[in-house]
Amino acid sequence: MKVTREESGKRGAFNAIEDDKKIGKMSYFWGDENTFVIDHTGINTAFQGQGVGKKLFLSAIDYAREKNCKIVPACSFAASMFRRHPECADVLK
C-alpha cells in the first residue's frame, strides 16, 4: 500500500492506494497558512482493521512536520489517533 497526497486550493486528501485502487482517504482543508483541519477519514470496508487509517494518519503527521504546520483533528478518527499517539502532539493544535 502507498499513500499519495492531492491538493486543490484549500482542500486536500491523503489517499491509500493498493493495486491501483483507492482503499482509503483522509480529507483536510486549510484553516490558515499554518493549520490544516482533518475533516473526514474513510476506509473501504474490505480493508478496515488492516492499519490503513493509521498509515493515512502518520502520512498527515509527516506532512505537517515537513511543512512546519499544525493539525486540527475535526474527525473522530483523527482525534482518537492523536489520543493514542502522544508522540504526535507536536503537530496537534
PDB file of N, CA and C in Angstrom:
ATOM      1  N   MET A   1       0.838  -1.175   0.000  1.00  0.00           N
ATOM      2  CA  MET A   1       0.000   0.000   0.000  1.00  0.00           C
ATOM      3  C   MET A   1       0.884   1.240   0.000  1.00  0.00           C
ATOM      4  N   LYS A   2       0.476   2.216  -0.784  1.00  0.00           N
ATOM      5  CA  LYS A   2       1.180   3.502  -0.775  1.00  0.00           C
ATOM      6  C   LYS A   2       0.178   4.596  -0.459  1.00  0.00           C
ATOM      7  N   VAL A   3       0.695   5.719   0.023  1.00  0.00           N
ATOM      8  CA  VAL A   3      -0.150   6.866   0.318  1.00  0.00           C
ATOM      9  C   VAL A   3       0.283   8.010  -0.575  1.00  0.00           C
ATOM     10  N   THR A   4      -0.691   8.606  -1.239  1.00  0.00           N
ATOM     11  CA  THR A   4      -0.441   9.769  -2.075  1.00  0.00           C
ATOM     12  C   THR A   4      -1.186  10.959  -1.461  1.00  0.00           C
ATOM     13  N   ARG A   5      -0.782  12.147  -1.866  1.00  0.00           N
ATOM     14  CA  ARG A   5      -1.452  13.358  -1.401  1.00  0.00           C
ATOM     15  C   ARG A   5      -1.878  14.162  -2.613  1.00  0.00           C
ATOM     16  N   GLU A   6      -3.094  14.668  -2.552  1.00  0.00           N
ATOM     17  CA  GLU A   6      -3.597  15.558  -3.605  1.00  0.00           C
ATOM     18  C   GLU A   6      -4.094  16.826  -2.934  1.00  0.00           C
ATOM     19  N   GLU A   7      -3.978  17.945  -3.640  1.00  0.00           N
ATOM     20  CA  GLU A   7      -4.435  19.202  -3.080  1.00  0.00           C
ATOM     21  C   GLU A   7      -4.904  20.101  -4.211  1.00  0.00           C
ATOM     22  N   SER A   8      -6.005  20.790  -3.948  1.00  0.00           N
ATOM     23  CA  SER A   8      -6.544  21.739  -4.909  1.00  0.00           C
ATOM     24  C   SER A   8      -7.131  22.903  -4.126  1.00  0.00           C
ATOM     25  N   GLY A   9      -6.490  24.044  -4.252  1.00  0.00           N
ATOM     26  CA  GLY A   9      -6.944  25.198  -3.481  1.00  0.00           C
ATOM     27  C   GLY A   9      -6.736  24.962  -1.999  1.00  0.00           C
ATOM     28  N   LYS A  10      -7.805  25.126  -1.231  1.00  0.00           N
ATOM     29  CA  LYS A  10      -7.719  24.956   0.222  1.00  0.00           C
ATOM     30  C   LYS A  10      -8.065  23.552   0.689  1.00  0.00           C
ATOM     31  N   ARG A  11      -8.412  22.665  -0.231  1.00  0.00           N
ATOM     32  CA  ARG A  11      -8.793  21.295   0.139  1.00  0.00           C
ATOM     33  C   ARG A  11      -7.744  20.303  -0.329  1.00  0.00           C
ATOM     34  N   GLY A  12      -7.649  19.196   0.409  1.00  0.00           N
ATOM     35  CA  GLY A  12      -6.710  18.165   0.023  1.00  0.00           C
ATOM     36  C   GLY A  12      -7.090  16.831   0.640  1.00  0.00           C
ATOM     37  N   ALA A  13      -6.300  15.811   0.324  1.00  0.00           N
ATOM     38  CA  ALA A  13      -6.551  14.478   0.867  1.00  0.00           C
ATOM     39  C   ALA A  13      -5.295  13.629   0.773  1.00  0.00           C
ATOM     40  N   PHE A  14      -5.192  12.726   1.715  1.00  0.00           N
ATOM     41  CA  PHE A  14      -4.205  11.659   1.661  1.00  0.00           C
ATOM     42  C   PHE A  14      -4.980  10.426   1.226  1.00  0.00           C
ATOM     43  N   ASN A  15      -4.489   9.744   0.204  1.00  0.00           N
ATOM     44  CA  ASN A  15      -5.182   8.583  -0.350  1.00  0.00           C
ATOM     45  C   ASN A  15      -4.335   7.331  -0.187  1.00  0.00           C
ATOM     46  N   ALA A  16      -4.956   6.287   0.317  1.00  0.00           N
ATOM     47  CA  ALA A  16      -4.287   4.991   0.420  1.00  0.00           C
ATOM     48  C   ALA A  16      -4.599   4.216  -0.860  1.00  0.00           C
ATOM     49  N   ILE A  17      -3.552   3.756  -1.532  1.00  0.00           N
ATOM     50  CA  ILE A  17      -3.701   3.080  -2.817  1.00  0.00           C
ATOM     51  C   ILE A  17      -3.139   1.656  -2.712  1.00  0.00           C
ATOM     52  N   GLU A  18      -3.917   0.698  -3.157  1.00  0.00           N
ATOM     53  CA  GLU A  18      -3.495  -0.706  -3.195  1.00  0.00           C
ATOM     54  C   GLU A  18      -3.881  -1.263  -4.558  1.00  0.00           C
ATOM     55  N   ASP A  19      -2.917  -1.784  -5.290  1.00  0.00           N
ATOM     56  CA  ASP A  19      -3.175  -2.331  -6.632  1.00  0.00           C
ATOM     57  C   ASP A  19      -3.922  -1.338  -7.517  1.00  0.00           C
ATOM     58  N   ASP A  20      -3.471  -0.084  -7.500  1.00  0.00           N
ATOM     59  CA  ASP A  20      -4.046   0.995  -8.306  1.00  0.00           C
ATOM     60  C   ASP A  20      -5.489   1.344  -7.949  1.00  0.00           C
ATOM     61  N   LYS A  21      -5.966   0.918  -6.769  1.00  0.00           N
ATOM     62  CA  LYS A  21      -7.313   1.265  -6.316  1.00  0.00           C
ATOM     63  C   LYS A  21      -7.221   2.054  -5.022  1.00  0.00           C
ATOM     64  N   LYS A  22      -8.066   3.078  -4.910  1.00  0.00           N
ATOM     65  CA  LYS A  22      -8.123   3.861  -3.675  1.00  0.00           C
ATOM     66  C   LYS A  22      -8.882   3.051  -2.634  1.00  0.00           C
ATOM     67  N   ILE A  23      -8.208   2.748  -1.518  1.00  0.00           N
ATOM     68  CA  ILE A  23      -8.837   1.947  -0.467  1.00  0.00           C
ATOM     69  C   ILE A  23      -9.117   2.770   0.800  1.00  0.00           C
ATOM     70  N   GLY A  24      -8.634   3.991   0.822  1.00  0.00           N
ATOM     71  CA  GLY A  24      -8.880   4.841   1.970  1.00  0.00           C
ATOM     72  C   GLY A  24      -8.557   6.284   1.645  1.00  0.00           C
ATOM     73  N   LYS A  25      -9.177   7.192   2.425  1.00  0.00           N
ATOM     74  CA  LYS A  25      -8.961   8.614   2.176  1.00  0.00           C
ATOM     75  C   LYS A  25      -9.101   9.376   3.488  1.00  0.00           C
ATOM     76  N   MET A  26      -8.187  10.305   3.701  1.00  0.00           N
ATOM     77  CA  MET A  26      -8.259  11.234   4.827  1.00  0.00           C
ATOM     78  C   MET A  26      -8.271  12.631   4.218  1.00  0.00           C
ATOM     79  N   SER A  27      -9.404  13.312   4.304  1.00  0.00           N
ATOM     80  CA  SER A  27      -9.524  14.624   3.679  1.00  0.00           C
ATOM     81  C   SER A  27      -9.239  15.726   4.695  1.00  0.00           C
ATOM     82  N   TYR A  28      -8.816  16.864   4.169  1.00  0.00           N
ATOM     83  CA  TYR A  28      -8.495  18.009   5.014  1.00  0.00           C
ATOM     84  C   TYR A  28      -8.741  19.302   4.260  1.00  0.00           C
ATOM     85  N   PHE A  29      -8.772  20.389   5.014  1.00  0.00           N
ATOM     86  CA  PHE A  29      -8.803  21.722   4.415  1.00  0.00           C
ATOM     87  C   PHE A  29      -7.896  22.624   5.234  1.00  0.00           C
ATOM     88  N   TRP A  30      -7.396  23.656   4.588  1.00  0.00           N
ATOM     89  CA  TRP A  30      -6.511  24.605   5.246  1.00  0.00           C
ATOM     90  C   TRP A  30      -7.348  25.633   5.992  1.00  0.00           C
ATOM     91  N   GLY A  31      -7.126  25.735   7.301  1.00  0.00           N
ATOM     92  CA  GLY A  31      -7.799  26.760   8.100  1.00  0.00           C
ATOM     93  C   GLY A  31      -7.097  28.096   7.947  1.00  0.00           C
ATOM     94  N   ASP A  32      -5.786  28.045   7.903  1.00  0.00           N
ATOM     95  CA  ASP A  32      -4.943  29.192   7.604  1.00  0.00           C
ATOM     96  C   ASP A  32      -3.644  28.646   7.022  1.00  0.00           C
ATOM     97  N   GLU A  33      -2.679  29.492   6.772  1.00  0.00           N
ATOM     98  CA  GLU A  33      -1.473  29.018   6.086  1.00  0.00           C
ATOM     99  C   GLU A  33      -0.621  28.075   6.920  1.00  0.00           C
ATOM    100  N   ASN A  34      -0.881  28.006   8.237  1.00  0.00           N
ATOM    101  CA  ASN A  34      -0.086  27.154   9.119  1.00  0.00           C
ATOM    102  C   ASN A  34      -0.879  26.037   9.787  1.00  0.00           C
ATOM    103  N   THR A  35      -2.146  25.871   9.402  1.00  0.00           N
ATOM    104  CA  THR A  35      -3.004  24.889  10.061  1.00  0.00           C
ATOM    105  C   THR A  35      -3.913  24.208   9.049  1.00  0.00           C
ATOM    106  N   PHE A  36      -3.922  22.866   9.084  1.00  0.00           N
ATOM    107  CA  PHE A  36      -4.939  22.178   8.299  1.00  0.00           C
ATOM    108  C   PHE A  36      -5.824  21.344   9.210  1.00  0.00           C
ATOM    109  N   VAL A  37      -7.069  21.182   8.781  1.00  0.00           N
ATOM    110  CA  VAL A  37      -8.109  20.523   9.563  1.00  0.00           C
ATOM    111  C   VAL A  37      -8.443  19.196   8.885  1.00  0.00           C
ATOM    112  N   ILE A  38      -8.220  18.096   9.595  1.00  0.00           N
ATOM    113  CA  ILE A  38      -8.640  16.789   9.075  1.00  0.00           C
ATOM    114  C   ILE A  38     -10.127  16.664   9.371  1.00  0.00           C
ATOM    115  N   ASP A  39     -10.939  16.584   8.308  1.00  0.00           N
ATOM    116  CA  ASP A  39     -12.386  16.591   8.498  1.00  0.00           C
ATOM    117  C   ASP A  39     -13.075  15.257   8.216  1.00  0.00           C
ATOM    118  N   HIS A  40     -12.374  14.304   7.639  1.00  0.00           N
ATOM    119  CA  HIS A  40     -13.012  13.002   7.387  1.00  0.00           C
ATOM    120  C   HIS A  40     -11.954  11.948   7.077  1.00  0.00           C
ATOM    121  N   THR A  41     -12.199  10.756   7.579  1.00  0.00           N
ATOM    122  CA  THR A  41     -11.379   9.592   7.225  1.00  0.00           C
ATOM    123  C   THR A  41     -12.323   8.463   6.863  1.00  0.00           C
ATOM    124  N   GLY A  42     -12.092   7.872   5.712  1.00  0.00           N
ATOM    125  CA  GLY A  42     -12.915   6.756   5.276  1.00  0.00           C
ATOM    126  C   GLY A  42     -12.053   5.644   4.714  1.00  0.00           C
ATOM    127  N   ILE A  43     -12.383   4.409   5.089  1.00  0.00           N
ATOM    128  CA  ILE A  43     -11.637   3.235   4.633  1.00  0.00           C
ATOM    129  C   ILE A  43     -12.619   2.273   3.979  1.00  0.00           C
ATOM    130  N   ASN A  44     -12.236   1.732   2.841  1.00  0.00           N
ATOM    131  CA  ASN A  44     -13.036   0.702   2.176  1.00  0.00           C
ATOM    132  C   ASN A  44     -13.260  -0.433   3.177  1.00  0.00           C
ATOM    133  N   THR A  45     -14.501  -0.897   3.306  1.00  0.00           N
ATOM    134  CA  THR A  45     -14.827  -1.907   4.312  1.00  0.00           C
ATOM    135  C   THR A  45     -13.985  -3.173   4.204  1.00  0.00           C
ATOM    136  N   ALA A  46     -13.570  -3.533   3.011  1.00  0.00           N
ATOM    137  CA  ALA A  46     -12.752  -4.738   2.832  1.00  0.00           C
ATOM    138  C   ALA A  46     -11.359  -4.587   3.445  1.00  0.00           C
ATOM    139  N   PHE A  47     -10.950  -3.349   3.748  1.00  0.00           N
ATOM    140  CA  PHE A  47      -9.603  -3.092   4.266  1.00  0.00           C
ATOM    141  C   PHE A  47      -9.612  -2.556   5.700  1.00  0.00           C
ATOM    142  N   GLN A  48     -10.779  -2.473   6.315  1.00  0.00           N
ATOM    143  CA  GLN A  48     -10.834  -1.990   7.693  1.00  0.00           C
ATOM    144  C   GLN A  48     -10.121  -2.959   8.623  1.00  0.00           C
ATOM    145  N   GLY A  49      -9.469  -2.402   9.636  1.00  0.00           N
ATOM    146  CA  GLY A  49      -8.751  -3.221  10.604  1.00  0.00           C
ATOM    147  C   GLY A  49      -7.372  -3.669  10.148  1.00  0.00           C
ATOM    148  N   GLN A  50      -6.902  -3.121   9.022  1.00  0.00           N
ATOM    149  CA  GLN A  50      -5.604  -3.528   8.475  1.00  0.00           C
ATOM    150  C   GLN A  50      -4.556  -2.418   8.552  1.00  0.00           C
ATOM    151  N   GLY A  51      -4.835  -1.384   9.322  1.00  0.00           N
ATOM    152  CA  GLY A  51      -3.858  -0.319   9.511  1.00  0.00           C
ATOM    153  C   GLY A  51      -3.854   0.760   8.452  1.00  0.00           C
ATOM    154  N   VAL A  52      -4.857   0.763   7.588  1.00  0.00           N
ATOM    155  CA  VAL A  52      -4.920   1.770   6.524  1.00  0.00           C
ATOM    156  C   VAL A  52      -5.093   3.165   7.124  1.00  0.00           C
ATOM    157  N   GLY A  53      -6.007   3.305   8.058  1.00  0.00           N
ATOM    158  CA  GLY A  53      -6.239   4.599   8.691  1.00  0.00           C
ATOM    159  C   GLY A  53      -5.009   5.111   9.415  1.00  0.00           C
ATOM    160  N   LYS A  54      -4.313   4.214  10.091  1.00  0.00           N
ATOM    161  CA  LYS A  54      -3.095   4.623  10.801  1.00  0.00           C
ATOM    162  C   LYS A  54      -2.044   5.111   9.823  1.00  0.00           C
ATOM    163  N   LYS A  55      -1.926   4.437   8.694  1.00  0.00           N
ATOM    164  CA  LYS A  55      -0.945   4.861   7.685  1.00  0.00           C
ATOM    165  C   LYS A  55      -1.303   6.244   7.131  1.00  0.00           C
ATOM    166  N   LEU A  56      -2.585   6.487   6.906  1.00  0.00           N
ATOM    167  CA  LEU A  56      -3.023   7.810   6.451  1.00  0.00           C
ATOM    168  C   LEU A  56      -2.707   8.863   7.511  1.00  0.00           C
ATOM    169  N   PHE A  57      -3.009   8.540   8.765  1.00  0.00           N
ATOM    170  CA  PHE A  57      -2.745   9.461   9.870  1.00  0.00           C
ATOM    171  C   PHE A  57      -1.259   9.800   9.954  1.00  0.00           C
ATOM    172  N   LEU A  58      -0.403   8.796   9.902  1.00  0.00           N
ATOM    173  CA  LEU A  58       1.031   9.037  10.009  1.00  0.00           C
ATOM    174  C   LEU A  58       1.557   9.823   8.804  1.00  0.00           C
ATOM    175  N   SER A  59       0.935   9.651   7.650  1.00  0.00           N
ATOM    176  CA  SER A  59       1.314  10.460   6.482  1.00  0.00           C
ATOM    177  C   SER A  59       0.960  11.927   6.715  1.00  0.00           C
ATOM    178  N   ALA A  60      -0.201  12.173   7.323  1.00  0.00           N
ATOM    179  CA  ALA A  60      -0.595  13.549   7.651  1.00  0.00           C
ATOM    180  C   ALA A  60       0.373  14.155   8.668  1.00  0.00           C
ATOM    181  N   ILE A  61       0.795  13.361   9.647  1.00  0.00           N
ATOM    182  CA  ILE A  61       1.752  13.832  10.652  1.00  0.00           C
ATOM    183  C   ILE A  61       3.073  14.200   9.980  1.00  0.00           C
ATOM    184  N   ASP A  62       3.557  13.317   9.122  1.00  0.00           N
ATOM    185  CA  ASP A  62       4.816  13.580   8.413  1.00  0.00           C
ATOM    186  C   ASP A  62       4.714  14.857   7.579  1.00  0.00           C
ATOM    187  N   TYR A  63       3.594  15.037   6.903  1.00  0.00           N
ATOM    188  CA  TYR A  63       3.386  16.219   6.073  1.00  0.00           C
ATOM    189  C   TYR A  63       3.382  17.485   6.928  1.00  0.00           C
ATOM    190  N   ALA A  64       2.682  17.451   8.066  1.00  0.00           N
ATOM    191  CA  ALA A  64       2.626  18.608   8.955  1.00  0.00           C
ATOM    192  C   ALA A  64       4.024  18.965   9.469  1.00  0.00           C
ATOM    193  N   ARG A  65       4.802  17.961   9.814  1.00  0.00           N
ATOM    194  CA  ARG A  65       6.163  18.224  10.289  1.00  0.00           C
ATOM    195  C   ARG A  65       7.027  18.811   9.174  1.00  0.00           C
ATOM    196  N   GLU A  66       6.870  18.262   7.987  1.00  0.00           N
ATOM    197  CA  GLU A  66       7.637  18.749   6.831  1.00  0.00           C
ATOM    198  C   GLU A  66       7.302  20.213   6.524  1.00  0.00           C
ATOM    199  N   LYS A  67       6.012  20.566   6.620  1.00  0.00           N
ATOM    200  CA  LYS A  67       5.551  21.919   6.302  1.00  0.00           C
ATOM    201  C   LYS A  67       5.612  22.851   7.516  1.00  0.00           C
ATOM    202  N   ASN A  68       6.007  22.297   8.672  1.00  0.00           N
ATOM    203  CA  ASN A  68       6.072  23.069   9.919  1.00  0.00           C
ATOM    204  C   ASN A  68       4.728  23.725  10.221  1.00  0.00           C
ATOM    205  N   CYS A  69       3.666  22.898  10.204  1.00  0.00           N
ATOM    206  CA  CYS A  69       2.337  23.401  10.491  1.00  0.00           C
ATOM    207  C   CYS A  69       1.639  22.509  11.514  1.00  0.00           C
ATOM    208  N   LYS A  70       0.431  22.882  11.885  1.00  0.00           N
ATOM    209  CA  LYS A  70      -0.342  22.174  12.904  1.00  0.00           C
ATOM    210  C   LYS A  70      -1.582  21.542  12.287  1.00  0.00           C
ATOM    211  N   ILE A  71      -2.133  20.565  13.016  1.00  0.00           N
ATOM    212  CA  ILE A  71      -3.332  19.848  12.575  1.00  0.00           C
ATOM    213  C   ILE A  71      -4.432  20.019  13.611  1.00  0.00           C
ATOM    214  N   VAL A  72      -5.639  20.310  13.131  1.00  0.00           N
ATOM    215  CA  VAL A  72      -6.836  20.287  13.959  1.00  0.00           C
ATOM    216  C   VAL A  72      -7.590  19.005  13.581  1.00  0.00           C
ATOM    217  N   PRO A  73      -7.760  18.065  14.516  1.00  0.00           N
ATOM    218  CA  PRO A  73      -8.444  16.806  14.206  1.00  0.00           C
ATOM    219  C   PRO A  73      -9.960  16.930  14.376  1.00  0.00           C
ATOM    220  N   ALA A  74     -10.665  17.379  13.342  1.00  0.00           N
ATOM    221  CA  ALA A  74     -12.115  17.549  13.419  1.00  0.00           C
ATOM    222  C   ALA A  74     -12.862  16.226  13.249  1.00  0.00           C
ATOM    223  N   CYS A  75     -12.243  15.235  12.660  1.00  0.00           N
ATOM    224  CA  CYS A  75     -12.912  13.937  12.512  1.00  0.00           C
ATOM    225  C   CYS A  75     -12.561  13.057  13.716  1.00  0.00           C
ATOM    226  N   SER A  76     -13.504  12.229  14.114  1.00  0.00           N
ATOM    227  CA  SER A  76     -13.330  11.426  15.330  1.00  0.00           C
ATOM    228  C   SER A  76     -12.155  10.454  15.219  1.00  0.00           C
ATOM    229  N   PHE A  77     -11.891   9.932  14.034  1.00  0.00           N
ATOM    230  CA  PHE A  77     -10.768   9.009  13.877  1.00  0.00           C
ATOM    231  C   PHE A  77      -9.449   9.724  14.141  1.00  0.00           C
ATOM    232  N   ALA A  78      -9.255  10.881  13.526  1.00  0.00           N
ATOM    233  CA  ALA A  78      -8.006  11.630  13.721  1.00  0.00           C
ATOM    234  C   ALA A  78      -7.844  12.021  15.186  1.00  0.00           C
ATOM    235  N   ALA A  79      -8.929  12.442  15.835  1.00  0.00           N
ATOM    236  CA  ALA A  79      -8.861  12.811  17.249  1.00  0.00           C
ATOM    237  C   ALA A  79      -8.441  11.611  18.097  1.00  0.00           C
ATOM    238  N   SER A  80      -9.008  10.442  17.808  1.00  0.00           N
ATOM    239  CA  SER A  80      -8.646   9.242  18.583  1.00  0.00           C
ATOM    240  C   SER A  80      -7.198   8.832  18.331  1.00  0.00           C
ATOM    241  N   MET A  81      -6.715   9.030  17.123  1.00  0.00           N
ATOM    242  CA  MET A  81      -5.323   8.692  16.824  1.00  0.00           C
ATOM    243  C   MET A  81      -4.365   9.616  17.578  1.00  0.00           C
ATOM    244  N   PHE A  82      -4.705  10.881  17.702  1.00  0.00           N
ATOM    245  CA  PHE A  82      -3.870  11.784  18.497  1.00  0.00           C
ATOM    246  C   PHE A  82      -3.856  11.352  19.960  1.00  0.00           C
ATOM    247  N   ARG A  83      -4.989  10.879  20.481  1.00  0.00           N
ATOM    248  CA  ARG A  83      -5.021  10.404  21.867  1.00  0.00           C
ATOM    249  C   ARG A  83      -4.161   9.159  22.037  1.00  0.00           C
ATOM    250  N   ARG A  84      -4.158   8.272  21.043  1.00  0.00           N
ATOM    251  CA  ARG A  84      -3.382   7.019  21.109  1.00  0.00           C
ATOM    252  C   ARG A  84      -1.893   7.214  20.844  1.00  0.00           C
ATOM    253  N   HIS A  85      -1.551   8.312  20.196  1.00  0.00           N
ATOM    254  CA  HIS A  85      -0.158   8.544  19.798  1.00  0.00           C
ATOM    255  C   HIS A  85       0.328   9.898  20.319  1.00  0.00           C
ATOM    256  N   PRO A  86       0.629   9.976  21.622  1.00  0.00           N
ATOM    257  CA  PRO A  86       1.083  11.246  22.202  1.00  0.00           C
ATOM    258  C   PRO A  86       2.386  11.755  21.595  1.00  0.00           C
ATOM    259  N   GLU A  87       3.137  10.882  20.943  1.00  0.00           N
ATOM    260  CA  GLU A  87       4.379  11.308  20.284  1.00  0.00           C
ATOM    261  C   GLU A  87       4.105  12.208  19.084  1.00  0.00           C
ATOM    262  N   CYS A  88       2.850  12.326  18.696  1.00  0.00           N
ATOM    263  CA  CYS A  88       2.475  13.190  17.572  1.00  0.00           C
ATOM    264  C   CYS A  88       1.934  14.547  18.029  1.00  0.00           C
ATOM    265  N   ALA A  89       1.945  14.788  19.321  1.00  0.00           N
ATOM    266  CA  ALA A  89       1.366  16.017  19.870  1.00  0.00           C
ATOM    267  C   ALA A  89       2.070  17.283  19.400  1.00  0.00           C
ATOM    268  N   ASP A  90       3.278  17.161  18.875  1.00  0.00           N
ATOM    269  CA  ASP A  90       3.999  18.352  18.412  1.00  0.00           C
ATOM    270  C   ASP A  90       3.304  19.057  17.251  1.00  0.00           C
ATOM    271  N   VAL A  91       2.427  18.345  16.530  1.00  0.00           N
ATOM    272  CA  VAL A  91       1.710  18.976  15.416  1.00  0.00           C
ATOM    273  C   VAL A  91       0.225  19.187  15.717  1.00  0.00           C
ATOM    274  N   LEU A  92      -0.203  18.846  16.913  1.00  0.00           N
ATOM    275  CA  LEU A  92      -1.606  18.999  17.306  1.00  0.00           C
ATOM    276  C   LEU A  92      -1.883  20.442  17.697  1.00  0.00           C
ATOM    277  N   LYS A  93      -2.981  20.972  17.164  1.00  0.00           N
ATOM    278  CA  LYS A  93      -3.384  22.337  17.547  1.00  0.00           C
ATOM    279  C   LYS A  93      -4.636  22.253  18.380  1.00  0.00           C
TER     280      LYS A  93
END
